[in-house]
C-alpha atoms as a PDB file:
ATOM      1  CA  MET A   1     -23.243  -6.793 -10.804  1.00  0.00           C
ATOM      2  CA  PRO A   2     -22.258  -3.927  -9.548  1.00  0.00           C
ATOM      3  CA  LYS A   3     -18.174  -2.439  -9.652  1.00  0.00           C
ATOM      4  CA  PRO A   4     -16.167  -3.616  -6.663  1.00  0.00           C
ATOM      5  CA  LEU A   5     -15.919  -1.107  -4.002  1.00  0.00           C
ATOM      6  CA  ILE A   6     -12.175  -0.642  -2.931  1.00  0.00           C
ATOM      7  CA  GLY A   7     -11.150   1.730  -0.269  1.00  0.00           C
ATOM      8  CA  ILE A   8      -7.899   4.002  -0.477  1.00  0.00           C
ATOM      9  CA  THR A   9      -6.601   5.350   2.869  1.00  0.00           C
ATOM     10  CA  THR A  10      -5.541   9.156   2.553  1.00  0.00           C
ATOM     11  CA  TYR A  11      -3.333  11.381   3.482  1.00  0.00           C
ATOM     12  CA  LEU A  12      -3.639  13.449   6.552  1.00  0.00           C
ATOM     13  CA  GLU A  13      -2.347  17.048   5.672  1.00  0.00           C
ATOM     14  CA  LYS A  14      -2.414  20.421   7.674  1.00  0.00           C
ATOM     15  CA  SER A  15      -2.427  22.610   4.811  1.00  0.00           C
ATOM     16  CA  ALA A  16      -4.202  22.129   2.108  1.00  0.00           C
ATOM     17  CA  ARG A  17      -5.229  24.817  -0.326  1.00  0.00           C
ATOM     18  CA  TYR A  18      -7.873  25.238  -3.337  1.00  0.00           C
ATOM     19  CA  GLY A  19      -9.067  28.599  -4.418  1.00  0.00           C
ATOM     20  CA  PRO A  20      -9.057  30.874  -1.294  1.00  0.00           C
ATOM     21  CA  TRP A  21      -9.161  27.886   1.395  1.00  0.00           C
ATOM     22  CA  ASP A  22      -6.139  26.715   3.183  1.00  0.00           C
ATOM     23  CA  VAL A  23      -7.360  24.299   5.467  1.00  0.00           C
ATOM     24  CA  PRO A  24      -6.541  21.123   6.991  1.00  0.00           C
ATOM     25  CA  ALA A  25      -7.427  18.266   4.807  1.00  0.00           C
ATOM     26  CA  ALA A  26      -7.739  14.473   3.817  1.00  0.00           C
ATOM     27  CA  LEU A  27      -6.313  13.565   0.502  1.00  0.00           C
ATOM     28  CA  ALA A  28      -5.318  11.150  -1.984  1.00  0.00           C
ATOM     29  CA  PRO A  29      -3.613  11.729  -5.000  1.00  0.00           C
ATOM     30  CA  SER A  30      -5.930  11.387  -7.770  1.00  0.00           C
ATOM     31  CA  GLY A  31      -3.695   8.890  -9.548  1.00  0.00           C
ATOM     32  CA  TYR A  32      -5.643   6.487  -6.751  1.00  0.00           C
ATOM     33  CA  HIS A  33      -8.829   6.491  -7.596  1.00  0.00           C
ATOM     34  CA  GLN A  34      -8.146   6.548 -10.757  1.00  0.00           C
ATOM     35  CA  TYR A  35      -6.334   3.423 -11.063  1.00  0.00           C
ATOM     36  CA  VAL A  36      -8.579   1.843  -9.338  1.00  0.00           C
ATOM     37  CA  GLN A  37     -11.230   3.527 -12.022  1.00  0.00           C
ATOM     38  CA  ALA A  38      -9.240   2.593 -15.084  1.00  0.00           C
ATOM     39  CA  SER A  39      -8.871  -1.282 -13.801  1.00  0.00           C
ATOM     40  CA  GLY A  40     -12.724  -1.297 -13.406  1.00  0.00           C
ATOM     41  CA  GLY A  41     -13.511  -0.946  -9.971  1.00  0.00           C
ATOM     42  CA  THR A  42     -15.165   2.109  -8.164  1.00  0.00           C
ATOM     43  CA  ALA A  43     -13.091   3.705  -5.608  1.00  0.00           C
ATOM     44  CA  VAL A  44     -13.911   5.386  -1.934  1.00  0.00           C
ATOM     45  CA  LEU A  45     -11.437   6.936   0.042  1.00  0.00           C
ATOM     46  CA  LEU A  46     -10.926   6.435   3.569  1.00  0.00           C
ATOM     47  CA  PRO A  47      -9.750   9.487   6.025  1.00  0.00           C
ATOM     48  CA  PRO A  48      -7.862   8.403   9.147  1.00  0.00           C
ATOM     49  CA  ASP A  49     -10.618   7.277  12.153  1.00  0.00           C
ATOM     50  CA  ASP A  50     -11.172   5.632  15.346  1.00  0.00           C
ATOM     51  CA  PRO A  51      -8.831   2.354  15.214  1.00  0.00           C
ATOM     52  CA  GLU A  52     -11.700   0.750  16.799  1.00  0.00           C
ATOM     53  CA  THR A  53     -13.926   1.279  13.774  1.00  0.00           C
ATOM     54  CA  ALA A  54     -11.716  -0.723  11.437  1.00  0.00           C
ATOM     55  CA  GLU A  55     -13.482  -4.092  11.583  1.00  0.00           C
ATOM     56  CA  GLU A  56     -16.700  -2.464  11.407  1.00  0.00           C
ATOM     57  CA  LEU A  57     -15.616  -0.889   7.738  1.00  0.00           C
ATOM     58  CA  LEU A  58     -14.302  -3.671   6.034  1.00  0.00           C
ATOM     59  CA  PRO A  59     -17.379  -6.121   5.231  1.00  0.00           C
ATOM     60  CA  ARG A  60     -18.428  -2.725   3.498  1.00  0.00           C
ATOM     61  CA  LEU A  61     -15.652  -3.219   0.990  1.00  0.00           C
ATOM     62  CA  ASP A  62     -14.241  -5.557  -1.486  1.00  0.00           C
ATOM     63  CA  GLY A  63     -10.884  -4.419  -1.748  1.00  0.00           C
ATOM     64  CA  LEU A  64      -8.429  -2.310   0.057  1.00  0.00           C
ATOM     65  CA  VAL A  65      -5.402   0.047  -0.637  1.00  0.00           C
ATOM     66  CA  ILE A  66      -2.871   0.946   1.620  1.00  0.00           C
ATOM     67  CA  ALA A  67      -1.661   4.186   0.080  1.00  0.00           C
ATOM     68  CA  GLY A  68       1.927   5.750  -0.424  1.00  0.00           C
ATOM     69  CA  GLY A  69       3.071   8.814   2.078  1.00  0.00           C
ATOM     70  CA  PRO A  70       4.809   9.370   5.073  1.00  0.00           C
ATOM     71  CA  ASP A  71       7.493   7.285   6.817  1.00  0.00           C
ATOM     72  CA  VAL A  72       5.844   4.891   9.489  1.00  0.00           C
ATOM     73  CA  ASP A  73       7.125   5.796  13.076  1.00  0.00           C
ATOM     74  CA  PRO A  74      10.101   3.958  13.786  1.00  0.00           C
ATOM     75  CA  ALA A  75       8.396   3.477  17.412  1.00  0.00           C
ATOM     76  CA  ARG A  76       6.102   1.150  15.224  1.00  0.00           C
ATOM     77  CA  TYR A  77       8.615  -1.886  14.557  1.00  0.00           C
ATOM     78  CA  GLY A  78      10.857  -0.937  18.205  1.00  0.00           C
ATOM     79  CA  ALA A  79      13.623   0.966  16.477  1.00  0.00           C
ATOM     80  CA  VAL A  80      15.423   4.453  17.226  1.00  0.00           C
ATOM     81  CA  ARG A  81      14.361   7.045  14.720  1.00  0.00           C
ATOM     82  CA  ASP A  82      17.147   7.965  12.248  1.00  0.00           C
ATOM     83  CA  ALA A  83      17.641  11.637  11.707  1.00  0.00           C
ATOM     84  CA  ARG A  84      17.190  10.996   7.932  1.00  0.00           C
ATOM     85  CA  THR A  85      12.982   9.241   8.918  1.00  0.00           C
ATOM     86  CA  GLY A  86      10.206  11.940   8.253  1.00  0.00           C
ATOM     87  CA  PRO A  87       8.218  12.687  11.179  1.00  0.00           C
ATOM     88  CA  PRO A  88       5.690  10.966  12.208  1.00  0.00           C
ATOM     89  CA  ALA A  89       2.298  10.454  11.225  1.00  0.00           C
ATOM     90  CA  PRO A  90       0.151   9.005  14.436  1.00  0.00           C
ATOM     91  CA  GLU A  91      -3.326   9.166  13.043  1.00  0.00           C
ATOM     92  CA  ARG A  92      -2.253   7.525   9.551  1.00  0.00           C
ATOM     93  CA  ASP A  93       0.021   5.055  11.268  1.00  0.00           C
ATOM     94  CA  ALA A  94      -3.006   4.031  13.997  1.00  0.00           C
ATOM     95  CA  TRP A  95      -6.012   3.872  11.411  1.00  0.00           C
ATOM     96  CA  GLU A  96      -3.790   1.853   8.466  1.00  0.00           C
ATOM     97  CA  LEU A  97      -2.492  -0.494  11.189  1.00  0.00           C
ATOM     98  CA  ALA A  98      -5.435  -1.287  12.656  1.00  0.00           C
ATOM     99  CA  LEU A  99      -7.261  -1.750   8.956  1.00  0.00           C
ATOM    100  CA  ILE A 100      -4.586  -3.982   8.036  1.00  0.00           C
ATOM    101  CA  ARG A 101      -4.613  -6.299  11.110  1.00  0.00           C
ATOM    102  CA  ALA A 102      -8.379  -6.662  11.399  1.00  0.00           C
ATOM    103  CA  ALA A 103      -8.335  -7.037   7.040  1.00  0.00           C
ATOM    104  CA  LEU A 104      -6.278 -10.305   7.690  1.00  0.00           C
ATOM    105  CA  ALA A 105      -8.246 -11.773  10.533  1.00  0.00           C
ATOM    106  CA  GLU A 106     -11.016 -11.253   9.097  1.00  0.00           C
ATOM    107  CA  GLY A 107      -9.200 -13.312   6.072  1.00  0.00           C
ATOM    108  CA  ARG A 108     -11.846 -12.364   3.065  1.00  0.00           C
ATOM    109  CA  ILE A 109     -10.897  -8.538   1.630  1.00  0.00           C
ATOM    110  CA  PRO A 110      -8.420  -8.912  -0.860  1.00  0.00           C
ATOM    111  CA  LEU A 111      -5.463  -6.080   0.313  1.00  0.00           C
ATOM    112  CA  LEU A 112      -2.909  -4.006  -1.440  1.00  0.00           C
ATOM    113  CA  GLY A 113      -0.248  -2.085   0.220  1.00  0.00           C
ATOM    114  CA  ILE A 114       1.368   0.804  -2.256  1.00  0.00           C
ATOM    115  CA  CYS A 115       4.887   2.159  -1.039  1.00  0.00           C
ATOM    116  CA  ARG A 116       4.122   2.682   2.213  1.00  0.00           C
ATOM    117  CA  GLY A 117       1.242   0.847   2.223  1.00  0.00           C
ATOM    118  CA  MET A 118       3.755  -2.452   1.879  1.00  0.00           C
ATOM    119  CA  GLN A 119       5.995  -1.528   4.377  1.00  0.00           C
ATOM    120  CA  ALA A 120       2.798  -0.748   7.015  1.00  0.00           C
ATOM    121  CA  LEU A 121       2.019  -4.379   6.008  1.00  0.00           C
ATOM    122  CA  ASN A 122       5.308  -5.418   7.172  1.00  0.00           C
ATOM    123  CA  VAL A 123       5.261  -3.532  10.087  1.00  0.00           C
ATOM    124  CA  ALA A 124       1.595  -5.252  11.340  1.00  0.00           C
ATOM    125  CA  LEU A 125       2.865  -8.522  10.580  1.00  0.00           C
ATOM    126  CA  GLY A 126       6.048  -8.162  12.906  1.00  0.00           C
ATOM    127  CA  GLY A 127       8.755  -6.828  10.557  1.00  0.00           C
ATOM    128  CA  THR A 128      11.257  -3.813  10.440  1.00  0.00           C
ATOM    129  CA  LEU A 129      12.210  -1.167   7.952  1.00  0.00           C
ATOM    130  CA  VAL A 130      15.785   0.140   6.537  1.00  0.00           C
ATOM    131  CA  GLN A 131      15.208   3.536   7.767  1.00  0.00           C
ATOM    132  CA  HIS A 132      17.224   4.758   4.975  1.00  0.00           C
ATOM    133  CA  ILE A 133      18.727   4.125   1.482  1.00  0.00           C
ATOM    134  CA  GLU A 134      20.355   5.443  -1.398  1.00  0.00           C
ATOM    135  CA  GLY A 135      19.207   5.487  -5.435  1.00  0.00           C
ATOM    136  CA  HIS A 136      15.731   5.031  -5.138  1.00  0.00           C
ATOM    137  CA  VAL A 137      14.620   8.716  -5.358  1.00  0.00           C
ATOM    138  CA  LYS A 138      15.944  10.819  -8.200  1.00  0.00           C
ATOM    139  CA  ALA A 139      15.281  14.107  -6.419  1.00  0.00           C
ATOM    140  CA  PRO A 140      12.698  15.634  -3.998  1.00  0.00           C
ATOM    141  CA  GLY A 141       9.285  15.557  -5.754  1.00  0.00           C
ATOM    142  CA  VAL A 142      10.393  13.842  -8.991  1.00  0.00           C
ATOM    143  CA  MET A 143       9.264  10.378  -9.595  1.00  0.00           C
ATOM    144  CA  SER A 144      11.920   7.908 -10.873  1.00  0.00           C
ATOM    145  CA  GLU A 145      11.700   4.760 -12.697  1.00  0.00           C
ATOM    146  CA  HIS A 146      13.368   1.395 -12.128  1.00  0.00           C
ATOM    147  CA  ARG A 147      13.485  -2.068 -12.767  1.00  0.00           C
ATOM    148  CA  VAL A 148      11.861  -5.162 -10.452  1.00  0.00           C
ATOM    149  CA  LEU A 149      12.489  -8.454 -10.904  1.00  0.00           C
ATOM    150  CA  PRO A 150       9.476 -10.596  -9.915  1.00  0.00           C
ATOM    151  CA  VAL A 151      10.516 -14.024  -8.058  1.00  0.00           C
ATOM    152  CA  ALA A 152       8.603 -17.307 -10.123  1.00  0.00           C
ATOM    153  CA  GLY A 153       5.770 -18.666  -8.037  1.00  0.00           C
ATOM    154  CA  THR A 154       4.766 -16.216  -6.431  1.00  0.00           C
ATOM    155  CA  ARG A 155       1.619 -14.184  -7.114  1.00  0.00           C
ATOM    156  CA  TYR A 156       3.367 -10.852  -7.896  1.00  0.00           C
ATOM    157  CA  GLY A 157       5.033 -13.490 -10.511  1.00  0.00           C
ATOM    158  CA  GLU A 158       1.968 -14.680 -11.997  1.00  0.00           C
ATOM    159  CA  ILE A 159       0.766 -11.115 -12.481  1.00  0.00           C
ATOM    160  CA  ALA A 160       3.867  -9.873 -14.147  1.00  0.00           C
ATOM    161  CA  PRO A 161       6.026 -13.098 -14.938  1.00  0.00           C
ATOM    162  CA  GLU A 162       8.883 -10.481 -17.121  1.00  0.00           C
ATOM    163  CA  PRO A 163      11.154  -7.859 -15.786  1.00  0.00           C
ATOM    164  CA  THR A 164       9.281  -4.481 -15.366  1.00  0.00           C
ATOM    165  CA  ASP A 165      10.235  -0.770 -15.151  1.00  0.00           C
ATOM    166  CA  VAL A 166       7.945   0.628 -12.621  1.00  0.00           C
ATOM    167  CA  PRO A 167       7.328   4.445 -11.645  1.00  0.00           C
ATOM    168  CA  THR A 168       9.402   4.420  -7.996  1.00  0.00           C
ATOM    169  CA  TYR A 169       9.438   7.012  -4.663  1.00  0.00           C
ATOM    170  CA  HIS A 170      11.068   6.282  -1.879  1.00  0.00           C
ATOM    171  CA  HIS A 171      13.961   6.128   0.433  1.00  0.00           C
ATOM    172  CA  GLN A 172      13.081   3.211   2.892  1.00  0.00           C
ATOM    173  CA  ALA A 173      12.947  -0.555   2.339  1.00  0.00           C
ATOM    174  CA  VAL A 174      11.624  -3.536   3.903  1.00  0.00           C
ATOM    175  CA  ASP A 175      14.407  -4.598   6.232  1.00  0.00           C
ATOM    176  CA  ARG A 176      13.531  -7.831   8.587  1.00  0.00           C
ATOM    177  CA  LEU A 177      10.258  -9.609   7.031  1.00  0.00           C
ATOM    178  CA  GLY A 178       7.030  -9.591   8.846  1.00  0.00           C
ATOM    179  CA  ARG A 179       5.672 -12.881  10.035  1.00  0.00           C
ATOM    180  CA  ASP A 180       4.367 -15.539   7.058  1.00  0.00           C
ATOM    181  CA  LEU A 181       5.668 -12.359   4.428  1.00  0.00           C
ATOM    182  CA  VAL A 182       7.394 -13.928   1.297  1.00  0.00           C
ATOM    183  CA  VAL A 183       9.432 -11.877  -0.791  1.00  0.00           C
ATOM    184  CA  SER A 184       7.736 -11.664  -4.784  1.00  0.00           C
ATOM    185  CA  ALA A 185       9.961  -9.208  -6.503  1.00  0.00           C
ATOM    186  CA  ARG A 186      13.098  -7.419  -6.027  1.00  0.00           C
ATOM    187  CA  ALA A 187      15.202  -4.187  -7.557  1.00  0.00           C
ATOM    188  CA  LEU A 188      18.156  -5.164  -8.860  1.00  0.00           C
ATOM    189  CA  ASP A 189      20.092  -3.807  -6.639  1.00  0.00           C
ATOM    190  CA  GLY A 190      18.087  -6.301  -4.256  1.00  0.00           C
ATOM    191  CA  THR A 191      15.843  -4.011  -2.302  1.00  0.00           C
ATOM    192  CA  VAL A 192      12.663  -6.122  -1.784  1.00  0.00           C
ATOM    193  CA  GLU A 193      10.069  -4.537  -3.856  1.00  0.00           C
ATOM    194  CA  ALA A 194       6.876  -6.913  -3.474  1.00  0.00           C
ATOM    195  CA  VAL A 195       5.860  -9.381  -0.740  1.00  0.00           C
ATOM    196  CA  GLU A 196       2.971 -11.105  -0.167  1.00  0.00           C
ATOM    197  CA  LEU A 197       1.239 -13.854   2.062  1.00  0.00           C
ATOM    198  CA  PRO A 198       0.856 -16.984   0.508  1.00  0.00           C
ATOM    199  CA  GLY A 199      -2.623 -18.416   1.231  1.00  0.00           C
ATOM    200  CA  PRO A 200      -6.537 -18.153  -0.002  1.00  0.00           C
ATOM    201  CA  GLN A 201      -6.816 -14.014   0.679  1.00  0.00           C
ATOM    202  CA  TRP A 202      -5.021 -12.371  -2.050  1.00  0.00           C
ATOM    203  CA  VAL A 203      -2.749  -9.793   0.476  1.00  0.00           C
ATOM    204  CA  LEU A 204       0.543  -8.056  -1.879  1.00  0.00           C
ATOM    205  CA  GLY A 205       2.847  -5.104  -1.093  1.00  0.00           C
ATOM    206  CA  VAL A 206       4.698  -3.235  -4.014  1.00  0.00           C
ATOM    207  CA  GLN A 207       7.599  -0.669  -3.110  1.00  0.00           C
ATOM    208  CA  TRP A 208       6.362   1.301  -5.927  1.00  0.00           C
ATOM    209  CA  HIS A 209       3.380   3.281  -7.577  1.00  0.00           C
ATOM    210  CA  PRO A 210       1.682   1.657  -9.968  1.00  0.00           C
ATOM    211  CA  GLU A 211      -0.939   4.142  -9.937  1.00  0.00           C
ATOM    212  CA  ARG A 212       1.423   6.916 -11.120  1.00  0.00           C
ATOM    213  CA  GLY A 213       1.927   4.888 -14.669  1.00  0.00           C
ATOM    214  CA  ARG A 214      -0.048   2.679 -17.256  1.00  0.00           C
ATOM    215  CA  ASP A 215       0.197  -1.255 -16.242  1.00  0.00           C
ATOM    216  CA  VAL A 216      -2.755  -1.897 -14.101  1.00  0.00           C
ATOM    217  CA  ARG A 217      -2.522  -5.633 -13.931  1.00  0.00           C
ATOM    218  CA  VAL A 218      -1.762  -5.652 -10.461  1.00  0.00           C
ATOM    219  CA  MET A 219      -5.083  -3.623  -9.739  1.00  0.00           C
ATOM    220  CA  ARG A 220      -6.794  -5.893 -12.051  1.00  0.00           C
ATOM    221  CA  ALA A 221      -5.554  -8.848  -9.979  1.00  0.00           C
ATOM    222  CA  LEU A 222      -6.950  -7.463  -6.970  1.00  0.00           C
ATOM    223  CA  LEU A 223     -10.462  -6.931  -8.573  1.00  0.00           C
ATOM    224  CA  ALA A 224     -10.462 -10.488  -9.377  1.00  0.00           C
ATOM    225  CA  ALA A 225      -9.537 -11.413  -6.200  1.00  0.00           C
ATOM    226  CA  THR A 226     -13.222  -9.513  -5.696  1.00  0.00           C
ATOM    227  CA  ALA A 227     -14.992 -12.042  -7.455  1.00  0.00           C
ATOM    228  CA  LEU A 228     -13.628 -14.949  -5.540  1.00  0.00           C
ATOM    229  CA  THR A 229     -14.510 -13.780  -2.122  1.00  0.00           C
ATOM    230  CA  PRO A 230     -17.800 -13.291  -0.202  1.00  0.00           C
ATOM    231  CA  THR A 231     -20.493 -10.748  -1.104  1.00  0.00           C
ATOM    232  CA  ARG A 232     -19.880  -7.550   0.914  1.00  0.00           C
ATOM    233  CA  VAL A 233     -22.543  -6.304   4.039  1.00  0.00           C
ATOM    234  CA  ALA A 234     -24.665  -4.172   2.363  1.00  0.00           C
END
């Protein structure tokens, strides 16, 4: 059997340097594809595209990861921009929200949102975000670690039933939950750290960065879910 094909969304950067070049690029930190590969899947990177192509793309994948990155534009959830919110990434917002909504409408493909990806999932379902919290970023560009507490009886609670120390780097968080989402993990300070959709489709968002650690249980659970869904279109 071929390995599950997992799509990973990418960063759209105006300046990326390699060799003599300094050019615009669509990229993702290597931890993302290595996380998929170490768990037994094949990774494919998805640069921002016309949102109308999302429905066409999804049947060709076995699973979808919405990666971390810049803050979701507060306009997407009807909020006034906080001075501490980062600059908008309109191409990513449009593309990733279209992918999430198309995946949920299709009802087949397992979906994992990581950090920004969890926040985008919440926004796609009508939720809102806290635009700034303290204590979850150690220093700019430095990944920190804190403990998350699973909620018993949830999908994440089954994947990791014990309190777990996770790699984390974020300054925003879920405020009002999106439609039908449930909380499946919290930080010690009460911050929502994981959300999911109950039901047959495997949909999970985590606030931390599992691709920066060694715990592959979340990705292995996503890959296991691909075996329970119809085969992708060739």
